[in-house]
Amino acid sequence: MRIVPIILAGGAGTRLWPVSRKALPKQFVPLIDGQTPFQQSILRVHGDRFTKPLIVTSDNYRFLVLEQINAVGCEA
């Protein structure tokens, strides 16, 4: 039996302003080792123990999510 990861990715981008903003919340900003917190989450749930992740996000971030998933060589 494999784990189905669910990743929540959204936000208003107000807590880490000016780095984070509405168009680019902090989970999509590269903060550590050149990767975003979102990409690090995707990589943590990538492997044989997991199915493809279910990503819950705003319609505004759908292309950004796909771009960042592809950038780390994963699928969703």
N, C-alpha and C. Protein backbone atom coordinates (compact mmCIF):
# COMPACT_ATOMS: atom_id res chain seq x y z
N MET A 1 0.85 -1.18 0.00
CA MET A 1 0.00 0.00 0.00
C MET A 1 0.89 1.25 0.00
N ARG A 2 0.57 2.18 -0.90
CA ARG A 2 1.36 3.41 -1.01
C ARG A 2 0.61 4.58 -0.40
N ILE A 3 1.36 5.55 0.07
CA ILE A 3 0.80 6.75 0.70
C ILE A 3 0.43 7.75 -0.39
N VAL A 4 -0.75 8.36 -0.23
CA VAL A 4 -1.19 9.42 -1.15
C VAL A 4 -0.91 10.77 -0.47
N PRO A 5 0.15 11.45 -0.89
CA PRO A 5 0.45 12.75 -0.27
C PRO A 5 -0.48 13.84 -0.77
N ILE A 6 -0.90 14.69 0.15
CA ILE A 6 -1.71 15.85 -0.19
C ILE A 6 -0.92 17.09 0.24
N ILE A 7 -0.64 17.97 -0.72
CA ILE A 7 0.15 19.16 -0.44
C ILE A 7 -0.73 20.39 -0.66
N LEU A 8 -0.81 21.23 0.37
CA LEU A 8 -1.56 22.48 0.29
C LEU A 8 -0.59 23.59 -0.09
N ALA A 9 -0.90 24.33 -1.14
CA ALA A 9 0.00 25.38 -1.62
C ALA A 9 -0.80 26.61 -2.02
N GLY A 10 -0.77 27.60 -1.18
CA GLY A 10 -1.49 28.83 -1.46
C GLY A 10 -1.10 29.88 -0.46
N GLY A 11 -1.85 30.92 -0.36
CA GLY A 11 -1.57 31.94 0.63
C GLY A 11 -1.66 33.34 0.05
N ALA A 12 -1.62 34.28 0.97
CA ALA A 12 -1.76 35.69 0.57
C ALA A 12 -0.43 36.38 0.36
N GLY A 13 0.65 35.77 0.83
CA GLY A 13 1.97 36.35 0.63
C GLY A 13 2.24 37.58 1.47
N THR A 14 1.66 37.63 2.68
CA THR A 14 1.82 38.84 3.49
C THR A 14 2.82 38.67 4.63
N ARG A 15 3.11 37.46 5.06
CA ARG A 15 3.93 37.26 6.26
C ARG A 15 5.42 37.44 6.03
N LEU A 16 5.89 37.23 4.85
CA LEU A 16 7.32 37.34 4.57
C LEU A 16 7.58 38.47 3.56
N TRP A 17 6.71 39.46 3.58
CA TRP A 17 6.83 40.59 2.67
C TRP A 17 8.13 41.31 2.97
N PRO A 18 8.89 41.80 2.03
CA PRO A 18 8.60 41.96 0.61
C PRO A 18 9.05 40.78 -0.25
N VAL A 19 9.70 39.78 0.35
CA VAL A 19 10.12 38.62 -0.44
C VAL A 19 8.90 37.88 -0.96
N SER A 20 7.92 37.72 -0.11
CA SER A 20 6.69 37.02 -0.45
C SER A 20 5.60 38.05 -0.72
N ARG A 21 4.82 37.81 -1.76
CA ARG A 21 3.72 38.71 -2.07
C ARG A 21 2.58 37.92 -2.70
N LYS A 22 1.49 38.55 -2.97
CA LYS A 22 0.29 37.83 -3.45
C LYS A 22 0.57 37.01 -4.70
N ALA A 23 1.34 37.55 -5.63
CA ALA A 23 1.63 36.83 -6.88
C ALA A 23 2.65 35.71 -6.69
N LEU A 24 3.41 35.76 -5.58
CA LEU A 24 4.45 34.76 -5.35
C LEU A 24 4.60 34.53 -3.84
N PRO A 25 3.69 33.73 -3.23
CA PRO A 25 3.77 33.46 -1.80
C PRO A 25 5.07 32.72 -1.44
N LYS A 26 5.40 32.73 -0.16
CA LYS A 26 6.70 32.23 0.30
C LYS A 26 6.99 30.79 -0.10
N GLN A 27 6.00 29.93 -0.21
CA GLN A 27 6.28 28.54 -0.56
C GLN A 27 6.81 28.39 -1.98
N PHE A 28 6.67 29.43 -2.80
CA PHE A 28 7.17 29.38 -4.17
C PHE A 28 8.46 30.19 -4.37
N VAL A 29 9.01 30.73 -3.29
CA VAL A 29 10.23 31.53 -3.34
C VAL A 29 11.40 30.66 -2.90
N PRO A 30 12.49 30.60 -3.68
CA PRO A 30 13.65 29.79 -3.26
C PRO A 30 14.30 30.40 -2.01
N LEU A 31 14.21 29.67 -0.91
CA LEU A 31 14.74 30.18 0.36
C LEU A 31 15.98 29.42 0.82
N ILE A 32 16.02 28.10 0.58
CA ILE A 32 17.11 27.27 1.08
C ILE A 32 17.65 26.41 -0.06
N ASP A 33 18.95 26.45 -0.26
CA ASP A 33 19.62 25.61 -1.27
C ASP A 33 19.08 25.80 -2.68
N GLY A 34 18.55 26.98 -3.00
CA GLY A 34 18.07 27.27 -4.34
C GLY A 34 16.75 26.63 -4.69
N GLN A 35 16.12 25.96 -3.73
CA GLN A 35 14.81 25.35 -3.97
C GLN A 35 13.77 26.05 -3.11
N THR A 36 12.54 25.97 -3.58
CA THR A 36 11.44 26.56 -2.83
C THR A 36 10.93 25.55 -1.79
N PRO A 37 10.26 26.02 -0.73
CA PRO A 37 9.65 25.09 0.21
C PRO A 37 8.68 24.12 -0.48
N PHE A 38 7.98 24.60 -1.49
CA PHE A 38 7.07 23.73 -2.24
C PHE A 38 7.86 22.61 -2.94
N GLN A 39 8.96 22.95 -3.59
CA GLN A 39 9.78 21.94 -4.27
C GLN A 39 10.36 20.95 -3.27
N GLN A 40 10.79 21.42 -2.12
CA GLN A 40 11.33 20.53 -1.10
C GLN A 40 10.25 19.55 -0.61
N SER A 41 9.02 20.04 -0.50
CA SER A 41 7.91 19.16 -0.10
C SER A 41 7.65 18.10 -1.17
N ILE A 42 7.67 18.51 -2.43
CA ILE A 42 7.46 17.56 -3.53
C ILE A 42 8.53 16.47 -3.50
N LEU A 43 9.77 16.87 -3.30
CA LEU A 43 10.87 15.90 -3.28
C LEU A 43 10.78 14.95 -2.08
N ARG A 44 10.25 15.41 -0.96
CA ARG A 44 10.10 14.54 0.22
C ARG A 44 9.10 13.42 -0.02
N VAL A 45 8.12 13.66 -0.89
CA VAL A 45 7.09 12.64 -1.12
C VAL A 45 7.24 11.99 -2.49
N HIS A 46 8.46 11.98 -3.01
CA HIS A 46 8.74 11.38 -4.31
C HIS A 46 9.46 10.06 -4.08
N GLY A 47 8.91 8.99 -4.59
CA GLY A 47 9.55 7.69 -4.43
C GLY A 47 8.54 6.56 -4.44
N ASP A 48 9.04 5.36 -4.26
CA ASP A 48 8.20 4.17 -4.37
C ASP A 48 7.12 4.07 -3.29
N ARG A 49 7.35 4.68 -2.15
CA ARG A 49 6.38 4.60 -1.05
C ARG A 49 5.16 5.47 -1.29
N PHE A 50 5.23 6.38 -2.29
CA PHE A 50 4.18 7.37 -2.48
C PHE A 50 3.57 7.29 -3.87
N THR A 51 2.29 7.68 -3.97
CA THR A 51 1.67 7.90 -5.27
C THR A 51 2.02 9.33 -5.69
N LYS A 52 1.60 9.72 -6.86
CA LYS A 52 1.76 11.13 -7.26
C LYS A 52 0.98 11.98 -6.26
N PRO A 53 1.54 13.13 -5.88
CA PRO A 53 0.85 13.94 -4.87
C PRO A 53 -0.41 14.62 -5.42
N LEU A 54 -1.36 14.80 -4.53
CA LEU A 54 -2.54 15.60 -4.82
C LEU A 54 -2.22 17.00 -4.30
N ILE A 55 -2.23 17.98 -5.17
CA ILE A 55 -1.86 19.34 -4.80
C ILE A 55 -3.10 20.22 -4.81
N VAL A 56 -3.36 20.84 -3.68
CA VAL A 56 -4.50 21.74 -3.54
C VAL A 56 -3.94 23.15 -3.55
N THR A 57 -4.34 23.92 -4.56
CA THR A 57 -3.82 25.28 -4.70
C THR A 57 -4.87 26.17 -5.34
N SER A 58 -4.59 27.42 -5.40
CA SER A 58 -5.45 28.40 -6.05
C SER A 58 -5.29 28.29 -7.57
N ASP A 59 -6.32 28.65 -8.27
CA ASP A 59 -6.26 28.70 -9.72
C ASP A 59 -5.14 29.64 -10.18
N ASN A 60 -4.86 30.65 -9.38
CA ASN A 60 -3.81 31.62 -9.72
C ASN A 60 -2.42 31.01 -9.75
N TYR A 61 -2.22 29.92 -9.02
CA TYR A 61 -0.89 29.32 -8.89
C TYR A 61 -0.71 28.04 -9.69
N ARG A 62 -1.68 27.64 -10.47
CA ARG A 62 -1.62 26.34 -11.15
C ARG A 62 -0.41 26.22 -12.08
N PHE A 63 -0.09 27.26 -12.82
CA PHE A 63 1.06 27.19 -13.73
C PHE A 63 2.38 27.23 -12.97
N LEU A 64 2.42 28.00 -11.91
CA LEU A 64 3.61 28.08 -11.07
C LEU A 64 3.88 26.72 -10.41
N VAL A 65 2.85 26.06 -9.94
CA VAL A 65 2.98 24.73 -9.35
C VAL A 65 3.55 23.74 -10.37
N LEU A 66 2.99 23.71 -11.55
CA LEU A 66 3.48 22.79 -12.59
C LEU A 66 4.92 23.10 -12.98
N GLU A 67 5.25 24.36 -13.09
CA GLU A 67 6.61 24.77 -13.45
C GLU A 67 7.61 24.31 -12.37
N GLN A 68 7.24 24.48 -11.12
CA GLN A 68 8.16 24.10 -10.04
C GLN A 68 8.28 22.59 -9.89
N ILE A 69 7.21 21.86 -10.14
CA ILE A 69 7.29 20.40 -10.11
C ILE A 69 8.20 19.89 -11.22
N ASN A 70 8.03 20.42 -12.41
CA ASN A 70 8.89 20.02 -13.54
C ASN A 70 10.34 20.38 -13.31
N ALA A 71 10.59 21.50 -12.64
CA ALA A 71 11.96 21.97 -12.40
C ALA A 71 12.76 20.99 -11.52
N VAL A 72 12.07 20.22 -10.68
CA VAL A 72 12.77 19.25 -9.83
C VAL A 72 12.67 17.83 -10.38
N GLY A 73 12.11 17.70 -11.58
CA GLY A 73 12.06 16.40 -12.24
C GLY A 73 11.01 15.44 -11.73
N CYS A 74 9.91 15.98 -11.19
CA CYS A 74 8.83 15.14 -10.68
C CYS A 74 7.58 15.32 -11.51
N GLU A 75 6.56 14.53 -11.20
CA GLU A 75 5.26 14.64 -11.87
C GLU A 75 4.18 14.79 -10.83
N ALA A 76 3.07 15.37 -11.24
CA ALA A 76 1.91 15.47 -10.36
C ALA A 76 0.65 15.16 -11.13
